[in-house]
PDB file of N, CA and C in Angstrom:
ATOM      1  N   MET A   1       0.835  -1.172   0.000  1.00  0.00           N
ATOM      2  CA  MET A   1       0.000   0.000   0.000  1.00  0.00           C
ATOM      3  C   MET A   1       0.888   1.246   0.000  1.00  0.00           C
ATOM      4  N   GLY A   2       0.484   2.275  -0.736  1.00  0.00           N
ATOM      5  CA  GLY A   2       1.273   3.487  -0.857  1.00  0.00           C
ATOM      6  C   GLY A   2       1.050   4.458   0.284  1.00  0.00           C
ATOM      7  N   THR A   3       1.876   5.460   0.320  1.00  0.00           N
ATOM      8  CA  THR A   3       1.779   6.503   1.325  1.00  0.00           C
ATOM      9  C   THR A   3       1.204   7.756   0.677  1.00  0.00           C
ATOM     10  N   VAL A   4       0.291   8.406   1.356  1.00  0.00           N
ATOM     11  CA  VAL A   4      -0.295   9.650   0.866  1.00  0.00           C
ATOM     12  C   VAL A   4       0.633  10.794   1.257  1.00  0.00           C
ATOM     13  N   ILE A   5       0.952  11.628   0.280  1.00  0.00           N
ATOM     14  CA  ILE A   5       1.847  12.757   0.517  1.00  0.00           C
ATOM     15  C   ILE A   5       1.077  14.039   0.257  1.00  0.00           C
ATOM     16  N   SER A   6       1.138  14.954   1.191  1.00  0.00           N
ATOM     17  CA  SER A   6       0.505  16.251   1.014  1.00  0.00           C
ATOM     18  C   SER A   6       1.481  17.161   0.280  1.00  0.00           C
ATOM     19  N   LEU A   7       1.108  17.603  -0.929  1.00  0.00           N
ATOM     20  CA  LEU A   7       1.981  18.499  -1.675  1.00  0.00           C
ATOM     21  C   LEU A   7       2.157  19.831  -0.964  1.00  0.00           C
ATOM     22  N   GLN A   8       1.133  20.280  -0.290  1.00  0.00           N
ATOM     23  CA  GLN A   8       1.231  21.545   0.432  1.00  0.00           C
ATOM     24  C   GLN A   8       2.282  21.436   1.542  1.00  0.00           C
ATOM     25  N   GLU A   9       2.254  20.354   2.312  1.00  0.00           N
ATOM     26  CA  GLU A   9       3.251  20.166   3.366  1.00  0.00           C
ATOM     27  C   GLU A   9       4.646  20.015   2.778  1.00  0.00           C
ATOM     28  N   TYR A  10       4.753  19.294   1.679  1.00  0.00           N
ATOM     29  CA  TYR A  10       6.046  19.104   1.016  1.00  0.00           C
ATOM     30  C   TYR A  10       6.620  20.453   0.599  1.00  0.00           C
ATOM     31  N   ARG A  11       5.805  21.290  -0.009  1.00  0.00           N
ATOM     32  CA  ARG A  11       6.263  22.607  -0.454  1.00  0.00           C
ATOM     33  C   ARG A  11       6.662  23.494   0.727  1.00  0.00           C
ATOM     34  N   GLN A  12       5.942  23.372   1.838  1.00  0.00           N
ATOM     35  CA  GLN A  12       6.266  24.182   3.005  1.00  0.00           C
ATOM     36  C   GLN A  12       7.606  23.769   3.611  1.00  0.00           C
ATOM     37  N   ARG A  13       7.920  22.471   3.565  1.00  0.00           N
ATOM     38  CA  ARG A  13       9.185  21.973   4.115  1.00  0.00           C
ATOM     39  C   ARG A  13      10.360  22.273   3.208  1.00  0.00           C
ATOM     40  N   ARG A  14      10.095  22.360   1.931  1.00  0.00           N
ATOM     41  CA  ARG A  14      11.149  22.521   0.944  1.00  0.00           C
ATOM     42  C   ARG A  14      11.272  23.986   0.551  1.00  0.00           C
ATOM     43  N   ARG A  15      12.448  24.530   0.678  1.00  0.00           N
ATOM     44  CA  ARG A  15      12.664  25.930   0.313  1.00  0.00           C
ATOM     45  C   ARG A  15      12.773  26.049  -1.208  1.00  0.00           C
ATOM     46  N   PRO A  16      11.977  26.922  -1.807  1.00  0.00           N
ATOM     47  CA  PRO A  16      12.009  27.031  -3.266  1.00  0.00           C
ATOM     48  C   PRO A  16      13.327  27.627  -3.759  1.00  0.00           C
ATOM     49  N   THR A  17      13.833  27.073  -4.841  1.00  0.00           N
ATOM     50  CA  THR A  17      15.043  27.595  -5.459  1.00  0.00           C
ATOM     51  C   THR A  17      14.656  28.670  -6.469  1.00  0.00           C
ATOM     52  N   ALA A  18      15.654  29.378  -6.958  1.00  0.00           N
ATOM     53  CA  ALA A  18      15.388  30.401  -7.984  1.00  0.00           C
ATOM     54  C   ALA A  18      14.775  29.749  -9.219  1.00  0.00           C
ATOM     55  N   ALA A  19      15.266  28.566  -9.586  1.00  0.00           N
ATOM     56  CA  ALA A  19      14.732  27.871 -10.755  1.00  0.00           C
ATOM     57  C   ALA A  19      13.279  27.463 -10.529  1.00  0.00           C
ATOM     58  N   THR A  20      12.963  27.022  -9.323  1.00  0.00           N
ATOM     59  CA  THR A  20      11.587  26.640  -9.003  1.00  0.00           C
ATOM     60  C   THR A  20      10.663  27.848  -9.085  1.00  0.00           C
ATOM     61  N   GLN A  21      11.119  28.968  -8.585  1.00  0.00           N
ATOM     62  CA  GLN A  21      10.310  30.183  -8.644  1.00  0.00           C
ATOM     63  C   GLN A  21      10.116  30.633 -10.091  1.00  0.00           C
ATOM     64  N   ARG A  22      11.190  30.537 -10.904  1.00  0.00           N
ATOM     65  CA  ARG A  22      11.071  30.870 -12.334  1.00  0.00           C
ATOM     66  C   ARG A  22      10.067  29.952 -13.010  1.00  0.00           C
ATOM     67  N   LEU A  23      10.153  28.662 -12.698  1.00  0.00           N
ATOM     68  CA  LEU A  23       9.243  27.697 -13.303  1.00  0.00           C
ATOM     69  C   LEU A  23       7.800  27.977 -12.903  1.00  0.00           C
ATOM     70  N   ASP A  24       7.575  28.281 -11.636  1.00  0.00           N
ATOM     71  CA  ASP A  24       6.221  28.612 -11.173  1.00  0.00           C
ATOM     72  C   ASP A  24       5.659  29.807 -11.934  1.00  0.00           C
ATOM     73  N   ARG A  25       6.475  30.853 -12.090  1.00  0.00           N
ATOM     74  CA  ARG A  25       6.017  32.045 -12.822  1.00  0.00           C
ATOM     75  C   ARG A  25       5.746  31.715 -14.291  1.00  0.00           C
ATOM     76  N   ALA A  26       6.638  30.929 -14.882  1.00  0.00           N
ATOM     77  CA  ALA A  26       6.479  30.580 -16.294  1.00  0.00           C
ATOM     78  C   ALA A  26       5.221  29.736 -16.505  1.00  0.00           C
ATOM     79  N   VAL A  27       4.980  28.788 -15.622  1.00  0.00           N
ATOM     80  CA  VAL A  27       3.790  27.940 -15.752  1.00  0.00           C
ATOM     81  C   VAL A  27       2.524  28.785 -15.592  1.00  0.00           C
ATOM     82  N   ALA A  28       2.561  29.752 -14.680  1.00  0.00           N
ATOM     83  CA  ALA A  28       1.404  30.630 -14.492  1.00  0.00           C
ATOM     84  C   ALA A  28       1.115  31.428 -15.764  1.00  0.00           C
ATOM     85  N   GLN A  29       2.151  31.803 -16.498  1.00  0.00           N
ATOM     86  CA  GLN A  29       1.965  32.523 -17.768  1.00  0.00           C
ATOM     87  C   GLN A  29       1.593  31.569 -18.892  1.00  0.00           C
ATOM     88  N   LEU A  30       2.195  30.395 -18.865  1.00  0.00           N
ATOM     89  CA  LEU A  30       2.015  29.433 -19.946  1.00  0.00           C
ATOM     90  C   LEU A  30       0.617  28.821 -19.959  1.00  0.00           C
ATOM     91  N   ASP A  31       0.061  28.571 -18.796  1.00  0.00           N
ATOM     92  CA  ASP A  31      -1.238  27.905 -18.704  1.00  0.00           C
ATOM     93  C   ASP A  31      -2.320  28.602 -19.530  1.00  0.00           C
ATOM     94  N   PRO A  32      -2.553  29.909 -19.364  1.00  0.00           N
ATOM     95  CA  PRO A  32      -3.613  30.543 -20.168  1.00  0.00           C
ATOM     96  C   PRO A  32      -3.276  30.579 -21.661  1.00  0.00           C
ATOM     97  N   LEU A  33      -1.988  30.665 -21.992  1.00  0.00           N
ATOM     98  CA  LEU A  33      -1.606  30.674 -23.409  1.00  0.00           C
ATOM     99  C   LEU A  33      -1.920  29.333 -24.060  1.00  0.00           C
ATOM    100  N   VAL A  34      -1.627  28.251 -23.355  1.00  0.00           N
ATOM    101  CA  VAL A  34      -1.909  26.920 -23.893  1.00  0.00           C
ATOM    102  C   VAL A  34      -3.415  26.720 -24.002  1.00  0.00           C
ATOM    103  N   ARG A  35      -4.157  27.177 -22.996  1.00  0.00           N
ATOM    104  CA  ARG A  35      -5.618  27.043 -23.040  1.00  0.00           C
ATOM    105  C   ARG A  35      -6.205  27.826 -24.220  1.00  0.00           C
ATOM    106  N   THR A  36      -5.649  28.991 -24.493  1.00  0.00           N
ATOM    107  CA  THR A  36      -6.113  29.816 -25.613  1.00  0.00           C
ATOM    108  C   THR A  36      -5.907  29.111 -26.943  1.00  0.00           C
ATOM    109  N   HIS A  37      -4.811  28.365 -27.041  1.00  0.00           N
ATOM    110  CA  HIS A  37      -4.478  27.684 -28.293  1.00  0.00           C
ATOM    111  C   HIS A  37      -4.908  26.212 -28.292  1.00  0.00           C
ATOM    112  N   ALA A  38      -5.673  25.794 -27.303  1.00  0.00           N
ATOM    113  CA  ALA A  38      -6.091  24.386 -27.206  1.00  0.00           C
ATOM    114  C   ALA A  38      -6.772  23.944 -28.495  1.00  0.00           C
ATOM    115  N   GLY A  39      -6.418  22.762 -28.929  1.00  0.00           N
ATOM    116  CA  GLY A  39      -6.981  22.242 -30.161  1.00  0.00           C
ATOM    117  C   GLY A  39      -6.245  22.702 -31.400  1.00  0.00           C
ATOM    118  N   ARG A  40      -5.369  23.685 -31.242  1.00  0.00           N
ATOM    119  CA  ARG A  40      -4.614  24.217 -32.377  1.00  0.00           C
ATOM    120  C   ARG A  40      -3.113  24.172 -32.123  1.00  0.00           C
ATOM    121  N   LEU A  41      -2.681  23.382 -31.152  1.00  0.00           N
ATOM    122  CA  LEU A  41      -1.256  23.309 -30.836  1.00  0.00           C
ATOM    123  C   LEU A  41      -0.538  22.451 -31.874  1.00  0.00           C
ATOM    124  N   SER A  42       0.560  22.960 -32.353  1.00  0.00           N
ATOM    125  CA  SER A  42       1.338  22.206 -33.331  1.00  0.00           C
ATOM    126  C   SER A  42       2.044  21.038 -32.629  1.00  0.00           C
ATOM    127  N   PRO A  43       2.434  20.044 -33.400  1.00  0.00           N
ATOM    128  CA  PRO A  43       3.180  18.929 -32.801  1.00  0.00           C
ATOM    129  C   PRO A  43       4.453  19.394 -32.096  1.00  0.00           C
ATOM    130  N   THR A  44       5.071  20.442 -32.610  1.00  0.00           N
ATOM    131  CA  THR A  44       6.283  20.979 -31.982  1.00  0.00           C
ATOM    132  C   THR A  44       5.968  21.531 -30.595  1.00  0.00           C
ATOM    133  N   ILE A  45       4.879  22.271 -30.465  1.00  0.00           N
ATOM    134  CA  ILE A  45       4.477  22.832 -29.174  1.00  0.00           C
ATOM    135  C   ILE A  45       4.112  21.706 -28.213  1.00  0.00           C
ATOM    136  N   GLU A  46       3.386  20.713 -28.685  1.00  0.00           N
ATOM    137  CA  GLU A  46       3.026  19.579 -27.832  1.00  0.00           C
ATOM    138  C   GLU A  46       4.264  18.830 -27.359  1.00  0.00           C
ATOM    139  N   ARG A  47       5.232  18.670 -28.260  1.00  0.00           N
ATOM    140  CA  ARG A  47       6.490  18.010 -27.897  1.00  0.00           C
ATOM    141  C   ARG A  47       7.223  18.800 -26.811  1.00  0.00           C
ATOM    142  N   GLU A  48       7.202  20.124 -26.948  1.00  0.00           N
ATOM    143  CA  GLU A  48       7.881  20.971 -25.971  1.00  0.00           C
ATOM    144  C   GLU A  48       7.181  20.901 -24.611  1.00  0.00           C
ATOM    145  N   LEU A  49       5.863  20.838 -24.606  1.00  0.00           N
ATOM    146  CA  LEU A  49       5.126  20.683 -23.342  1.00  0.00           C
ATOM    147  C   LEU A  49       5.483  19.362 -22.667  1.00  0.00           C
ATOM    148  N   ARG A  50       5.611  18.300 -23.465  1.00  0.00           N
ATOM    149  CA  ARG A  50       6.026  17.003 -22.905  1.00  0.00           C
ATOM    150  C   ARG A  50       7.439  17.083 -22.357  1.00  0.00           C
ATOM    151  N   ALA A  51       8.324  17.780 -23.057  1.00  0.00           N
ATOM    152  CA  ALA A  51       9.709  17.917 -22.604  1.00  0.00           C
ATOM    153  C   ALA A  51       9.768  18.675 -21.274  1.00  0.00           C
ATOM    154  N   ILE A  52       8.908  19.685 -21.116  1.00  0.00           N
ATOM    155  CA  ILE A  52       8.845  20.425 -19.855  1.00  0.00           C
ATOM    156  C   ILE A  52       8.398  19.494 -18.738  1.00  0.00           C
ATOM    157  N   ALA A  53       7.357  18.722 -18.993  1.00  0.00           N
ATOM    158  CA  ALA A  53       6.860  17.783 -17.982  1.00  0.00           C
ATOM    159  C   ALA A  53       7.920  16.747 -17.621  1.00  0.00           C
ATOM    160  N   GLU A  54       8.648  16.246 -18.606  1.00  0.00           N
ATOM    161  CA  GLU A  54       9.703  15.273 -18.340  1.00  0.00           C
ATOM    162  C   GLU A  54      10.841  15.886 -17.541  1.00  0.00           C
ATOM    163  N   ALA A  55      11.185  17.140 -17.840  1.00  0.00           N
ATOM    164  CA  ALA A  55      12.237  17.821 -17.094  1.00  0.00           C
ATOM    165  C   ALA A  55      11.833  17.993 -15.629  1.00  0.00           C
ATOM    166  N   VAL A  56      10.581  18.353 -15.403  1.00  0.00           N
ATOM    167  CA  VAL A  56      10.079  18.487 -14.026  1.00  0.00           C
ATOM    168  C   VAL A  56      10.137  17.138 -13.319  1.00  0.00           C
ATOM    169  N   ALA A  57       9.669  16.102 -13.999  1.00  0.00           N
ATOM    170  CA  ALA A  57       9.629  14.765 -13.395  1.00  0.00           C
ATOM    171  C   ALA A  57      11.026  14.249 -13.048  1.00  0.00           C
ATOM    172  N   SER A  58      12.013  14.636 -13.836  1.00  0.00           N
ATOM    173  CA  SER A  58      13.373  14.166 -13.580  1.00  0.00           C
ATOM    174  C   SER A  58      14.147  15.081 -12.634  1.00  0.00           C
ATOM    175  N   GLY A  59      13.500  16.165 -12.184  1.00  0.00           N
ATOM    176  CA  GLY A  59      14.146  17.071 -11.249  1.00  0.00           C
ATOM    177  C   GLY A  59      14.999  18.145 -11.902  1.00  0.00           C
ATOM    178  N   SER A  60      14.903  18.282 -13.220  1.00  0.00           N
ATOM    179  CA  SER A  60      15.673  19.292 -13.950  1.00  0.00           C
ATOM    180  C   SER A  60      14.873  20.592 -14.033  1.00  0.00           C
ATOM    181  N   THR A  61      14.708  21.225 -12.897  1.00  0.00           N
ATOM    182  CA  THR A  61      13.876  22.418 -12.808  1.00  0.00           C
ATOM    183  C   THR A  61      14.400  23.554 -13.679  1.00  0.00           C
ATOM    184  N   GLN A  62      15.703  23.715 -13.721  1.00  0.00           N
ATOM    185  CA  GLN A  62      16.318  24.777 -14.536  1.00  0.00           C
ATOM    186  C   GLN A  62      15.969  24.577 -16.012  1.00  0.00           C
ATOM    187  N   ASP A  63      16.109  23.356 -16.503  1.00  0.00           N
ATOM    188  CA  ASP A  63      15.782  23.050 -17.891  1.00  0.00           C
ATOM    189  C   ASP A  63      14.297  23.288 -18.158  1.00  0.00           C
ATOM    190  N   ALA A  64      13.456  22.846 -17.233  1.00  0.00           N
ATOM    191  CA  ALA A  64      12.008  23.035 -17.394  1.00  0.00           C
ATOM    192  C   ALA A  64      11.662  24.520 -17.452  1.00  0.00           C
ATOM    193  N   ALA A  65      12.276  25.326 -16.591  1.00  0.00           N
ATOM    194  CA  ALA A  65      12.017  26.768 -16.578  1.00  0.00           C
ATOM    195  C   ALA A  65      12.482  27.411 -17.886  1.00  0.00           C
ATOM    196  N   ASP A  66      13.677  27.026 -18.351  1.00  0.00           N
ATOM    197  CA  ASP A  66      14.183  27.562 -19.620  1.00  0.00           C
ATOM    198  C   ASP A  66      13.229  27.247 -20.765  1.00  0.00           C
ATOM    199  N   ARG A  67      12.804  25.992 -20.828  1.00  0.00           N
ATOM    200  CA  ARG A  67      11.908  25.558 -21.903  1.00  0.00           C
ATOM    201  C   ARG A  67      10.558  26.280 -21.818  1.00  0.00           C
ATOM    202  N   ALA A  68      10.024  26.403 -20.616  1.00  0.00           N
ATOM    203  CA  ALA A  68       8.730  27.063 -20.438  1.00  0.00           C
ATOM    204  C   ALA A  68       8.804  28.529 -20.852  1.00  0.00           C
ATOM    205  N   GLU A  69       9.886  29.205 -20.482  1.00  0.00           N
ATOM    206  CA  GLU A  69      10.036  30.616 -20.856  1.00  0.00           C
ATOM    207  C   GLU A  69      10.158  30.779 -22.370  1.00  0.00           C
ATOM    208  N   ARG A  70      10.888  29.880 -23.031  1.00  0.00           N
ATOM    209  CA  ARG A  70      10.981  29.936 -24.497  1.00  0.00           C
ATOM    210  C   ARG A  70       9.619  29.690 -25.136  1.00  0.00           C
ATOM    211  N   LEU A  71       8.882  28.750 -24.585  1.00  0.00           N
ATOM    212  CA  LEU A  71       7.573  28.430 -25.133  1.00  0.00           C
ATOM    213  C   LEU A  71       6.599  29.599 -24.979  1.00  0.00           C
ATOM    214  N   ILE A  72       6.703  30.326 -23.892  1.00  0.00           N
ATOM    215  CA  ILE A  72       5.874  31.528 -23.708  1.00  0.00           C
ATOM    216  C   ILE A  72       6.143  32.507 -24.845  1.00  0.00           C
ATOM    217  N   GLY A  73       7.412  32.726 -25.153  1.00  0.00           N
ATOM    218  CA  GLY A  73       7.775  33.630 -26.243  1.00  0.00           C
ATOM    219  C   GLY A  73       7.182  33.203 -27.569  1.00  0.00           C
ATOM    220  N   ILE A  74       7.195  31.908 -27.810  1.00  0.00           N
ATOM    221  CA  ILE A  74       6.637  31.381 -29.059  1.00  0.00           C
ATOM    222  C   ILE A  74       5.127  31.596 -29.097  1.00  0.00           C
ATOM    223  N   LEU A  75       4.443  31.238 -28.017  1.00  0.00           N
ATOM    224  CA  LEU A  75       2.985  31.337 -27.998  1.00  0.00           C
ATOM    225  C   LEU A  75       2.490  32.779 -27.934  1.00  0.00           C
ATOM    226  N   GLU A  76       3.293  33.688 -27.420  1.00  0.00           N
ATOM    227  CA  GLU A  76       2.893  35.106 -27.386  1.00  0.00           C
ATOM    228  C   GLU A  76       3.124  35.799 -28.710  1.00  0.00           C
ATOM    229  N   HIS A  77       3.892  35.186 -29.592  1.00  0.00           N
ATOM    230  CA  HIS A  77       4.180  35.804 -30.883  1.00  0.00           C
ATOM    231  C   HIS A  77       2.891  35.873 -31.703  1.00  0.00           C
ATOM    232  N   PRO A  78       2.679  36.989 -32.421  1.00  0.00           N
ATOM    233  CA  PRO A  78       1.434  37.148 -33.197  1.00  0.00           C
ATOM    234  C   PRO A  78       1.170  36.012 -34.180  1.00  0.00           C
ATOM    235  N   ALA A  79       2.195  35.411 -34.724  1.00  0.00           N
ATOM    236  CA  ALA A  79       2.008  34.315 -35.685  1.00  0.00           C
ATOM    237  C   ALA A  79       1.383  33.084 -35.028  1.00  0.00           C
ATOM    238  N   ALA A  80       1.533  32.949 -33.711  1.00  0.00           N
ATOM    239  CA  ALA A  80       0.981  31.788 -33.012  1.00  0.00           C
ATOM    240  C   ALA A  80      -0.536  31.859 -32.879  1.00  0.00           C
ATOM    241  N   SER A  81      -1.081  33.046 -33.069  1.00  0.00           N
ATOM    242  CA  SER A  81      -2.532  33.198 -32.903  1.00  0.00           C
ATOM    243  C   SER A  81      -3.323  32.702 -34.111  1.00  0.00           C
ATOM    244  N   GLY A  82      -2.617  32.273 -35.131  1.00  0.00           N
ATOM    245  CA  GLY A  82      -3.292  31.692 -36.295  1.00  0.00           C
ATOM    246  C   GLY A  82      -3.674  32.747 -37.243  1.00  0.00           C
TER     247      GLY A  82
END
């Protein structure tokens, strides 16, 4: 049987790094952009979202933050609006 972990308690015990804070800010910006383009995301954008998730899962917060910030730039570009 598994153990239940409270993410809120985990975050309170763990001091956020600069990369974690960057990633949090980037995800907060990225979320509405992805929702706006839902159903119209190119395979490249979808691949990049998967790469961000994989970087987070592997503990590469710096890489995930870098990728998320680049993706924001791409999705904010006027050409991304179709």
